[in-house]
Protein backbone atom coordinates (compact mmCIF):
# COMPACT_ATOMS: atom_id res chain seq x y z
CA MET A 1 11.65 50.68 19.62
CA ARG A 2 15.22 49.93 18.73
CA THR A 3 16.51 48.29 15.69
CA VAL A 4 18.62 45.08 16.02
CA LEU A 5 21.05 43.62 13.27
CA HIS A 6 21.52 39.97 13.68
CA LEU A 7 24.94 38.64 11.87
CA VAL A 8 24.33 34.79 11.53
CA ARG A 9 27.46 32.83 10.89
CA PRO A 10 27.01 29.80 8.72
CA THR A 11 26.61 27.08 11.11
CA ALA A 12 24.78 29.39 13.71
CA THR A 13 20.95 29.56 13.99
CA PRO A 14 19.66 32.74 15.99
CA ALA A 15 17.45 31.64 19.15
CA ARG A 16 14.84 34.24 18.37
CA VAL A 17 14.50 37.27 16.11
CA ALA A 18 11.82 39.93 16.47
CA GLU A 19 9.75 40.75 13.32
CA ARG A 20 11.11 44.14 12.87
CA ASP A 21 14.83 42.95 13.24
CA TRP A 22 17.26 42.93 10.25
CA VAL A 23 19.01 39.77 9.86
CA VAL A 24 22.29 39.34 7.56
CA TYR A 25 23.20 35.75 6.85
CA LEU A 26 27.11 35.51 6.45
CA GLN A 27 27.97 32.92 3.92
CA ALA A 28 31.02 31.56 2.51
CA THR A 29 31.05 33.86 -0.68
CA GLU A 30 28.47 36.63 0.00
CA LEU A 31 26.48 38.37 2.69
CA VAL A 32 22.68 38.28 2.58
CA LEU A 33 20.01 40.68 4.02
CA ALA A 34 16.99 38.81 4.71
CA PRO A 35 13.59 40.07 4.18
CA SER A 36 12.30 41.91 7.02
CA ALA A 37 8.85 43.44 8.48
CA HIS A 38 10.65 46.61 9.35
CA ALA A 39 12.30 47.86 6.22
CA ALA A 40 16.04 47.94 6.45
CA PRO A 41 17.82 50.87 4.46
CA LEU A 42 18.68 48.33 1.85
CA PRO A 43 16.66 45.90 -0.22
CA PRO A 44 16.72 42.05 0.83
CA GLY A 45 19.30 39.95 -1.30
CA PRO A 46 23.03 40.15 -1.54
CA ILE A 47 25.07 43.04 -0.19
CA THR A 48 28.58 44.40 -0.02
CA HIS A 49 30.80 44.76 2.72
CA ASP A 50 30.55 48.71 2.82
CA GLN A 51 26.71 47.98 2.98
CA LEU A 52 27.10 45.78 5.96
CA VAL A 53 29.03 48.56 7.64
CA ALA A 54 26.39 51.07 6.91
CA LEU A 55 23.78 48.63 8.42
CA SER A 56 25.84 48.26 11.53
CA PHE A 57 25.72 52.05 12.17
CA ALA A 58 22.19 52.35 11.39
CA ALA A 59 21.10 49.71 13.96
CA ASP A 60 20.82 50.25 17.82
CA LEU A 61 22.41 47.01 18.71
CA VAL A 62 24.27 44.39 16.64
CA ILE A 63 24.38 40.69 17.70
CA THR A 64 26.66 37.88 16.15
CA TRP A 65 25.48 34.25 16.20
C-alpha cells in the first residue's frame, strides 16, 4: 500500500482522499496537517516548512490540489 500526501491550496477541494492518505492544508499563514486514519510521522495540527519537506520525502506520492 502506498502513502499519498495531498497538499490542498486554500481555494481547492480534493475530489477524493483515501482514509490512509495524509492531507496538509496550505493556508495563508500556516501549514496544517489534518488527522488521518494512517498515522503520519507528525501529529495533526500546524507544521513547519521543514516538517512539510520531511512528509514529502516520507510519502510515496505527492498530489497538489
